[in-house]
Amino acid sequence: MDDHILAAEKPAFARSVKAIVTGDVQALRRELAADPALVHARSASAHHATLLHYVAANGIEPELQRQVPNADEIANVLLAAGAKVEVK
């Protein structure tokens, strides 16, 4: 994983992004359980992406571009936790 890309992020947000792009549902659930506000958090990068953006677009940083193997399951976890579909 390209940790240098996520170095500017808060650790929990970075761990959540890693869980998303690798399809690790359990790790994502653990992060959300420990800090439910993560579902509304925004990236510190100029794009200010939410965690749901990393599932849907997953083209935010080219180094993190990869197909999430279980994107539907990951998205459902985020939506169940309160992620907003329409954010600006």
PDB file of N, CA and C in Angstrom:
ATOM      1  N   MET A   1       0.855  -1.174   0.000  1.00  0.00           N
ATOM      2  CA  MET A   1       0.000   0.000   0.000  1.00  0.00           C
ATOM      3  C   MET A   1       0.896   1.231   0.000  1.00  0.00           C
ATOM      4  N   ASP A   2       0.469   2.231  -0.689  1.00  0.00           N
ATOM      5  CA  ASP A   2       1.238   3.469  -0.795  1.00  0.00           C
ATOM      6  C   ASP A   2       0.965   4.362   0.413  1.00  0.00           C
ATOM      7  N   ASP A   3       1.653   4.073   1.515  1.00  0.00           N
ATOM      8  CA  ASP A   3       1.424   4.800   2.761  1.00  0.00           C
ATOM      9  C   ASP A   3       1.744   6.276   2.654  1.00  0.00           C
ATOM     10  N   HIS A   4       2.673   6.649   1.767  1.00  0.00           N
ATOM     11  CA  HIS A   4       3.019   8.063   1.643  1.00  0.00           C
ATOM     12  C   HIS A   4       1.834   8.903   1.185  1.00  0.00           C
ATOM     13  N   ILE A   5       0.926   8.317   0.441  1.00  0.00           N
ATOM     14  CA  ILE A   5      -0.257   9.035  -0.042  1.00  0.00           C
ATOM     15  C   ILE A   5      -1.185   9.362   1.119  1.00  0.00           C
ATOM     16  N   LEU A   6      -1.275   8.454   2.064  1.00  0.00           N
ATOM     17  CA  LEU A   6      -2.184   8.618   3.190  1.00  0.00           C
ATOM     18  C   LEU A   6      -1.511   9.223   4.417  1.00  0.00           C
ATOM     19  N   ALA A   7      -0.262   9.600   4.304  1.00  0.00           N
ATOM     20  CA  ALA A   7       0.500  10.100   5.451  1.00  0.00           C
ATOM     21  C   ALA A   7      -0.101  11.364   6.059  1.00  0.00           C
ATOM     22  N   ALA A   8      -0.746  12.187   5.265  1.00  0.00           N
ATOM     23  CA  ALA A   8      -1.320  13.433   5.769  1.00  0.00           C
ATOM     24  C   ALA A   8      -2.667  13.219   6.456  1.00  0.00           C
ATOM     25  N   GLU A   9      -3.216  12.033   6.303  1.00  0.00           N
ATOM     26  CA  GLU A   9      -4.528  11.743   6.879  1.00  0.00           C
ATOM     27  C   GLU A   9      -4.417  11.398   8.358  1.00  0.00           C
ATOM     28  N   LYS A  10      -5.514  11.585   9.066  1.00  0.00           N
ATOM     29  CA  LYS A  10      -5.583  11.102  10.443  1.00  0.00           C
ATOM     30  C   LYS A  10      -5.467   9.584  10.378  1.00  0.00           C
ATOM     31  N   PRO A  11      -4.808   8.974  11.344  1.00  0.00           N
ATOM     32  CA  PRO A  11      -4.563   7.525  11.277  1.00  0.00           C
ATOM     33  C   PRO A  11      -5.808   6.672  11.065  1.00  0.00           C
ATOM     34  N   ALA A  12      -6.891   6.971  11.747  1.00  0.00           N
ATOM     35  CA  ALA A  12      -8.105   6.163  11.594  1.00  0.00           C
ATOM     36  C   ALA A  12      -8.679   6.291  10.186  1.00  0.00           C
ATOM     37  N   PHE A  13      -8.607   7.483   9.621  1.00  0.00           N
ATOM     38  CA  PHE A  13      -9.098   7.681   8.253  1.00  0.00           C
ATOM     39  C   PHE A  13      -8.214   6.898   7.283  1.00  0.00           C
ATOM     40  N   ALA A  14      -6.915   6.968   7.449  1.00  0.00           N
ATOM     41  CA  ALA A  14      -5.987   6.237   6.583  1.00  0.00           C
ATOM     42  C   ALA A  14      -6.224   4.728   6.684  1.00  0.00           C
ATOM     43  N   ARG A  15      -6.410   4.232   7.895  1.00  0.00           N
ATOM     44  CA  ARG A  15      -6.679   2.796   8.055  1.00  0.00           C
ATOM     45  C   ARG A  15      -7.993   2.407   7.377  1.00  0.00           C
ATOM     46  N   SER A  16      -8.983   3.284   7.456  1.00  0.00           N
ATOM     47  CA  SER A  16     -10.276   3.018   6.819  1.00  0.00           C
ATOM     48  C   SER A  16     -10.143   2.984   5.304  1.00  0.00           C
ATOM     49  N   VAL A  17      -9.394   3.912   4.749  1.00  0.00           N
ATOM     50  CA  VAL A  17      -9.162   3.918   3.304  1.00  0.00           C
ATOM     51  C   VAL A  17      -8.460   2.628   2.889  1.00  0.00           C
ATOM     52  N   LYS A  18      -7.453   2.228   3.632  1.00  0.00           N
ATOM     53  CA  LYS A  18      -6.750   0.975   3.323  1.00  0.00           C
ATOM     54  C   LYS A  18      -7.714  -0.201   3.363  1.00  0.00           C
ATOM     55  N   ALA A  19      -8.585  -0.224   4.373  1.00  0.00           N
ATOM     56  CA  ALA A  19      -9.565  -1.303   4.479  1.00  0.00           C
ATOM     57  C   ALA A  19     -10.487  -1.317   3.263  1.00  0.00           C
ATOM     58  N   ILE A  20     -10.883  -0.135   2.809  1.00  0.00           N
ATOM     59  CA  ILE A  20     -11.777  -0.041   1.651  1.00  0.00           C
ATOM     60  C   ILE A  20     -11.097  -0.543   0.387  1.00  0.00           C
ATOM     61  N   VAL A  21      -9.933  -0.015   0.075  1.00  0.00           N
ATOM     62  CA  VAL A  21      -9.306  -0.364  -1.204  1.00  0.00           C
ATOM     63  C   VAL A  21      -8.798  -1.806  -1.238  1.00  0.00           C
ATOM     64  N   THR A  22      -8.661  -2.427  -0.068  1.00  0.00           N
ATOM     65  CA  THR A  22      -8.266  -3.840  -0.042  1.00  0.00           C
ATOM     66  C   THR A  22      -9.457  -4.756   0.181  1.00  0.00           C
ATOM     67  N   GLY A  23     -10.637  -4.176   0.403  1.00  0.00           N
ATOM     68  CA  GLY A  23     -11.836  -4.980   0.593  1.00  0.00           C
ATOM     69  C   GLY A  23     -11.932  -5.640   1.960  1.00  0.00           C
ATOM     70  N   ASP A  24     -11.257  -5.086   2.963  1.00  0.00           N
ATOM     71  CA  ASP A  24     -11.246  -5.667   4.305  1.00  0.00           C
ATOM     72  C   ASP A  24     -12.429  -5.137   5.116  1.00  0.00           C
ATOM     73  N   VAL A  25     -13.560  -5.828   4.999  1.00  0.00           N
ATOM     74  CA  VAL A  25     -14.798  -5.404   5.649  1.00  0.00           C
ATOM     75  C   VAL A  25     -14.653  -5.369   7.166  1.00  0.00           C
ATOM     76  N   GLN A  26     -14.027  -6.376   7.731  1.00  0.00           N
ATOM     77  CA  GLN A  26     -13.898  -6.435   9.191  1.00  0.00           C
ATOM     78  C   GLN A  26     -13.075  -5.268   9.729  1.00  0.00           C
ATOM     79  N   ALA A  27     -11.982  -4.937   9.063  1.00  0.00           N
ATOM     80  CA  ALA A  27     -11.163  -3.805   9.501  1.00  0.00           C
ATOM     81  C   ALA A  27     -11.957  -2.498   9.408  1.00  0.00           C
ATOM     82  N   LEU A  28     -12.730  -2.334   8.348  1.00  0.00           N
ATOM     83  CA  LEU A  28     -13.556  -1.140   8.199  1.00  0.00           C
ATOM     84  C   LEU A  28     -14.591  -1.066   9.308  1.00  0.00           C
ATOM     85  N   ARG A  29     -15.233  -2.177   9.597  1.00  0.00           N
ATOM     86  CA  ARG A  29     -16.224  -2.205  10.683  1.00  0.00           C
ATOM     87  C   ARG A  29     -15.590  -1.846  12.027  1.00  0.00           C
ATOM     88  N   ARG A  30     -14.383  -2.354  12.270  1.00  0.00           N
ATOM     89  CA  ARG A  30     -13.689  -2.029  13.521  1.00  0.00           C
ATOM     90  C   ARG A  30     -13.419  -0.529  13.621  1.00  0.00           C
ATOM     91  N   GLU A  31     -12.957   0.064  12.524  1.00  0.00           N
ATOM     92  CA  GLU A  31     -12.669   1.504  12.529  1.00  0.00           C
ATOM     93  C   GLU A  31     -13.940   2.316  12.769  1.00  0.00           C
ATOM     94  N   LEU A  32     -15.026   1.945  12.118  1.00  0.00           N
ATOM     95  CA  LEU A  32     -16.286   2.668  12.275  1.00  0.00           C
ATOM     96  C   LEU A  32     -16.865   2.481  13.673  1.00  0.00           C
ATOM     97  N   ALA A  33     -16.692   1.295  14.236  1.00  0.00           N
ATOM     98  CA  ALA A  33     -17.179   1.048  15.597  1.00  0.00           C
ATOM     99  C   ALA A  33     -16.394   1.884  16.609  1.00  0.00           C
ATOM    100  N   ALA A  34     -15.103   2.004  16.384  1.00  0.00           N
ATOM    101  CA  ALA A  34     -14.255   2.774  17.294  1.00  0.00           C
ATOM    102  C   ALA A  34     -14.502   4.273  17.165  1.00  0.00           C
ATOM    103  N   ASP A  35     -14.857   4.725  15.964  1.00  0.00           N
ATOM    104  CA  ASP A  35     -15.086   6.147  15.718  1.00  0.00           C
ATOM    105  C   ASP A  35     -16.172   6.315  14.666  1.00  0.00           C
ATOM    106  N   PRO A  36     -17.446   6.295  15.081  1.00  0.00           N
ATOM    107  CA  PRO A  36     -18.554   6.397  14.133  1.00  0.00           C
ATOM    108  C   PRO A  36     -18.530   7.659  13.264  1.00  0.00           C
ATOM    109  N   ALA A  37     -17.897   8.717  13.731  1.00  0.00           N
ATOM    110  CA  ALA A  37     -17.830   9.959  12.953  1.00  0.00           C
ATOM    111  C   ALA A  37     -16.980   9.816  11.694  1.00  0.00           C
ATOM    112  N   LEU A  38     -16.187   8.759  11.618  1.00  0.00           N
ATOM    113  CA  LEU A  38     -15.363   8.528  10.412  1.00  0.00           C
ATOM    114  C   LEU A  38     -16.194   8.470   9.142  1.00  0.00           C
ATOM    115  N   VAL A  39     -17.421   7.991   9.255  1.00  0.00           N
ATOM    116  CA  VAL A  39     -18.258   7.847   8.074  1.00  0.00           C
ATOM    117  C   VAL A  39     -18.533   9.193   7.415  1.00  0.00           C
ATOM    118  N   HIS A  40     -18.395  10.284   8.174  1.00  0.00           N
ATOM    119  CA  HIS A  40     -18.612  11.628   7.637  1.00  0.00           C
ATOM    120  C   HIS A  40     -17.301  12.392   7.441  1.00  0.00           C
ATOM    121  N   ALA A  41     -16.195  11.783   7.801  1.00  0.00           N
ATOM    122  CA  ALA A  41     -14.896  12.454   7.710  1.00  0.00           C
ATOM    123  C   ALA A  41     -14.524  12.713   6.253  1.00  0.00           C
ATOM    124  N   ARG A  42     -13.681  13.708   6.078  1.00  0.00           N
ATOM    125  CA  ARG A  42     -13.184  14.074   4.751  1.00  0.00           C
ATOM    126  C   ARG A  42     -11.671  13.966   4.736  1.00  0.00           C
ATOM    127  N   SER A  43     -11.156  13.641   3.598  1.00  0.00           N
ATOM    128  CA  SER A  43      -9.711  13.559   3.419  1.00  0.00           C
ATOM    129  C   SER A  43      -9.074  14.916   3.648  1.00  0.00           C
ATOM    130  N   ALA A  44      -7.864  14.906   4.152  1.00  0.00           N
ATOM    131  CA  ALA A  44      -7.092  16.134   4.328  1.00  0.00           C
ATOM    132  C   ALA A  44      -6.550  16.639   2.989  1.00  0.00           C
ATOM    133  N   SER A  45      -6.574  15.801   1.970  1.00  0.00           N
ATOM    134  CA  SER A  45      -6.094  16.187   0.637  1.00  0.00           C
ATOM    135  C   SER A  45      -7.032  17.205   0.000  1.00  0.00           C
ATOM    136  N   ALA A  46      -6.581  17.824  -1.046  1.00  0.00           N
ATOM    137  CA  ALA A  46      -7.354  18.860  -1.734  1.00  0.00           C
ATOM    138  C   ALA A  46      -8.710  18.363  -2.224  1.00  0.00           C
ATOM    139  N   HIS A  47      -8.840  17.080  -2.498  1.00  0.00           N
ATOM    140  CA  HIS A  47     -10.110  16.547  -3.012  1.00  0.00           C
ATOM    141  C   HIS A  47     -11.165  16.391  -1.921  1.00  0.00           C
ATOM    142  N   HIS A  48     -10.777  16.332  -0.656  1.00  0.00           N
ATOM    143  CA  HIS A  48     -11.684  16.214   0.486  1.00  0.00           C
ATOM    144  C   HIS A  48     -12.683  15.067   0.347  1.00  0.00           C
ATOM    145  N   ALA A  49     -12.241  13.964  -0.182  1.00  0.00           N
ATOM    146  CA  ALA A  49     -13.110  12.810  -0.400  1.00  0.00           C
ATOM    147  C   ALA A  49     -13.576  12.198   0.916  1.00  0.00           C
ATOM    148  N   THR A  50     -14.767  11.635   0.874  1.00  0.00           N
ATOM    149  CA  THR A  50     -15.267  10.846   1.996  1.00  0.00           C
ATOM    150  C   THR A  50     -14.845   9.394   1.768  1.00  0.00           C
ATOM    151  N   LEU A  51     -15.075   8.566   2.766  1.00  0.00           N
ATOM    152  CA  LEU A  51     -14.749   7.143   2.601  1.00  0.00           C
ATOM    153  C   LEU A  51     -15.569   6.527   1.467  1.00  0.00           C
ATOM    154  N   LEU A  52     -16.820   6.935   1.337  1.00  0.00           N
ATOM    155  CA  LEU A  52     -17.655   6.388   0.260  1.00  0.00           C
ATOM    156  C   LEU A  52     -17.092   6.737  -1.108  1.00  0.00           C
ATOM    157  N   HIS A  53     -16.453   7.899  -1.238  1.00  0.00           N
ATOM    158  CA  HIS A  53     -15.822   8.258  -2.513  1.00  0.00           C
ATOM    159  C   HIS A  53     -14.750   7.229  -2.895  1.00  0.00           C
ATOM    160  N   TYR A  54     -14.032   6.719  -1.906  1.00  0.00           N
ATOM    161  CA  TYR A  54     -12.977   5.753  -2.201  1.00  0.00           C
ATOM    162  C   TYR A  54     -13.545   4.451  -2.752  1.00  0.00           C
ATOM    163  N   VAL A  55     -14.800   4.161  -2.443  1.00  0.00           N
ATOM    164  CA  VAL A  55     -15.447   2.971  -3.008  1.00  0.00           C
ATOM    165  C   VAL A  55     -15.974   3.278  -4.397  1.00  0.00           C
ATOM    166  N   ALA A  56     -16.681   4.384  -4.512  1.00  0.00           N
ATOM    167  CA  ALA A  56     -17.383   4.710  -5.748  1.00  0.00           C
ATOM    168  C   ALA A  56     -16.451   5.125  -6.872  1.00  0.00           C
ATOM    169  N   ALA A  57     -15.583   6.072  -6.601  1.00  0.00           N
ATOM    170  CA  ALA A  57     -14.696   6.564  -7.647  1.00  0.00           C
ATOM    171  C   ALA A  57     -13.403   5.776  -7.656  1.00  0.00           C
ATOM    172  N   ASN A  58     -12.849   5.625  -6.501  1.00  0.00           N
ATOM    173  CA  ASN A  58     -11.571   4.935  -6.321  1.00  0.00           C
ATOM    174  C   ASN A  58     -10.550   5.364  -7.359  1.00  0.00           C
ATOM    175  N   GLY A  59     -10.658   6.580  -7.788  1.00  0.00           N
ATOM    176  CA  GLY A  59      -9.683   7.139  -8.701  1.00  0.00           C
ATOM    177  C   GLY A  59      -9.147   8.440  -8.139  1.00  0.00           C
ATOM    178  N   ILE A  60      -9.299   8.582  -6.853  1.00  0.00           N
ATOM    179  CA  ILE A  60      -8.946   9.822  -6.188  1.00  0.00           C
ATOM    180  C   ILE A  60      -7.439  10.047  -6.234  1.00  0.00           C
ATOM    181  N   GLU A  61      -6.680   9.061  -5.873  1.00  0.00           N
ATOM    182  CA  GLU A  61      -5.232   9.084  -6.033  1.00  0.00           C
ATOM    183  C   GLU A  61      -4.871   7.932  -6.950  1.00  0.00           C
ATOM    184  N   PRO A  62      -4.156   8.180  -8.026  1.00  0.00           N
ATOM    185  CA  PRO A  62      -3.844   7.103  -8.977  1.00  0.00           C
ATOM    186  C   PRO A  62      -3.205   5.874  -8.323  1.00  0.00           C
ATOM    187  N   GLU A  63      -2.394   6.092  -7.296  1.00  0.00           N
ATOM    188  CA  GLU A  63      -1.728   4.966  -6.649  1.00  0.00           C
ATOM    189  C   GLU A  63      -2.706   4.079  -5.882  1.00  0.00           C
ATOM    190  N   LEU A  64      -3.865   4.600  -5.559  1.00  0.00           N
ATOM    191  CA  LEU A  64      -4.871   3.820  -4.845  1.00  0.00           C
ATOM    192  C   LEU A  64      -5.950   3.297  -5.779  1.00  0.00           C
ATOM    193  N   GLN A  65      -5.800   3.539  -7.066  1.00  0.00           N
ATOM    194  CA  GLN A  65      -6.795   3.069  -8.025  1.00  0.00           C
ATOM    195  C   GLN A  65      -6.709   1.563  -8.155  1.00  0.00           C
ATOM    196  N   ARG A  66      -7.705   0.942  -7.692  1.00  0.00           N
ATOM    197  CA  ARG A  66      -7.841  -0.498  -7.876  1.00  0.00           C
ATOM    198  C   ARG A  66      -9.297  -0.842  -7.657  1.00  0.00           C
ATOM    199  N   GLN A  67      -9.712  -1.882  -8.294  1.00  0.00           N
ATOM    200  CA  GLN A  67     -11.089  -2.308  -8.134  1.00  0.00           C
ATOM    201  C   GLN A  67     -11.249  -2.914  -6.749  1.00  0.00           C
ATOM    202  N   VAL A  68     -12.218  -2.431  -6.015  1.00  0.00           N
ATOM    203  CA  VAL A  68     -12.516  -2.991  -4.700  1.00  0.00           C
ATOM    204  C   VAL A  68     -13.259  -4.303  -4.951  1.00  0.00           C
ATOM    205  N   PRO A  69     -12.676  -5.426  -4.510  1.00  0.00           N
ATOM    206  CA  PRO A  69     -13.245  -6.725  -4.856  1.00  0.00           C
ATOM    207  C   PRO A  69     -14.672  -6.927  -4.362  1.00  0.00           C
ATOM    208  N   ASN A  70     -15.024  -6.336  -3.279  1.00  0.00           N
ATOM    209  CA  ASN A  70     -16.360  -6.480  -2.695  1.00  0.00           C
ATOM    210  C   ASN A  70     -16.955  -5.089  -2.447  1.00  0.00           C
ATOM    211  N   ALA A  71     -16.915  -4.265  -3.469  1.00  0.00           N
ATOM    212  CA  ALA A  71     -17.359  -2.874  -3.351  1.00  0.00           C
ATOM    213  C   ALA A  71     -18.793  -2.772  -2.843  1.00  0.00           C
ATOM    214  N   ASP A  72     -19.647  -3.688  -3.262  1.00  0.00           N
ATOM    215  CA  ASP A  72     -21.037  -3.640  -2.810  1.00  0.00           C
ATOM    216  C   ASP A  72     -21.138  -3.835  -1.303  1.00  0.00           C
ATOM    217  N   GLU A  73     -20.394  -4.770  -0.768  1.00  0.00           N
ATOM    218  CA  GLU A  73     -20.412  -5.024   0.666  1.00  0.00           C
ATOM    219  C   GLU A  73     -19.809  -3.845   1.442  1.00  0.00           C
ATOM    220  N   ILE A  74     -18.691  -3.324   0.944  1.00  0.00           N
ATOM    221  CA  ILE A  74     -18.041  -2.180   1.583  1.00  0.00           C
ATOM    222  C   ILE A  74     -18.987  -0.972   1.567  1.00  0.00           C
ATOM    223  N   ALA A  75     -19.605  -0.706   0.432  1.00  0.00           N
ATOM    224  CA  ALA A  75     -20.543   0.415   0.324  1.00  0.00           C
ATOM    225  C   ALA A  75     -21.713   0.233   1.284  1.00  0.00           C
ATOM    226  N   ASN A  76     -22.229  -0.972   1.386  1.00  0.00           N
ATOM    227  CA  ASN A  76     -23.347  -1.229   2.297  1.00  0.00           C
ATOM    228  C   ASN A  76     -22.958  -0.973   3.751  1.00  0.00           C
ATOM    229  N   VAL A  77     -21.740  -1.326   4.131  1.00  0.00           N
ATOM    230  CA  VAL A  77     -21.265  -1.064   5.493  1.00  0.00           C
ATOM    231  C   VAL A  77     -21.249   0.446   5.740  1.00  0.00           C
ATOM    232  N   LEU A  78     -20.711   1.194   4.792  1.00  0.00           N
ATOM    233  CA  LEU A  78     -20.646   2.649   4.943  1.00  0.00           C
ATOM    234  C   LEU A  78     -22.035   3.287   4.966  1.00  0.00           C
ATOM    235  N   LEU A  79     -22.911   2.832   4.092  1.00  0.00           N
ATOM    236  CA  LEU A  79     -24.268   3.377   4.052  1.00  0.00           C
ATOM    237  C   LEU A  79     -25.029   3.050   5.333  1.00  0.00           C
ATOM    238  N   ALA A  80     -24.872   1.833   5.830  1.00  0.00           N
ATOM    239  CA  ALA A  80     -25.525   1.449   7.087  1.00  0.00           C
ATOM    240  C   ALA A  80     -25.004   2.273   8.261  1.00  0.00           C
ATOM    241  N   ALA A  81     -23.761   2.715   8.154  1.00  0.00           N
ATOM    242  CA  ALA A  81     -23.163   3.532   9.212  1.00  0.00           C
ATOM    243  C   ALA A  81     -23.553   5.001   9.087  1.00  0.00           C
ATOM    244  N   GLY A  82     -24.276   5.355   8.013  1.00  0.00           N
ATOM    245  CA  GLY A  82     -24.761   6.723   7.862  1.00  0.00           C
ATOM    246  C   GLY A  82     -24.085   7.563   6.797  1.00  0.00           C
ATOM    247  N   ALA A  83     -23.279   6.949   5.941  1.00  0.00           N
ATOM    248  CA  ALA A  83     -22.627   7.709   4.876  1.00  0.00           C
ATOM    249  C   ALA A  83     -23.688   8.337   3.988  1.00  0.00           C
ATOM    250  N   LYS A  84     -23.431   9.562   3.591  1.00  0.00           N
ATOM    251  CA  LYS A  84     -24.346  10.290   2.709  1.00  0.00           C
ATOM    252  C   LYS A  84     -23.936  10.039   1.264  1.00  0.00           C
ATOM    253  N   VAL A  85     -24.903   9.731   0.428  1.00  0.00           N
ATOM    254  CA  VAL A  85     -24.636   9.464  -0.976  1.00  0.00           C
ATOM    255  C   VAL A  85     -24.343  10.747  -1.732  1.00  0.00           C
ATOM    256  N   GLU A  86     -25.087  11.778  -1.419  1.00  0.00           N
ATOM    257  CA  GLU A  86     -24.918  13.055  -2.123  1.00  0.00           C
ATOM    258  C   GLU A  86     -24.208  14.042  -1.203  1.00  0.00           C
ATOM    259  N   VAL A  87     -22.909  14.162  -1.393  1.00  0.00           N
ATOM    260  CA  VAL A  87     -22.121  15.147  -0.646  1.00  0.00           C
ATOM    261  C   VAL A  87     -21.306  15.959  -1.632  1.00  0.00           C
ATOM    262  N   LYS A  88     -21.016  17.168  -1.247  1.00  0.00           N
ATOM    263  CA  LYS A  88     -20.247  18.049  -2.119  1.00  0.00           C
ATOM    264  C   LYS A  88     -18.947  18.398  -1.461  1.00  0.00           C
TER     265      LYS A  88
END
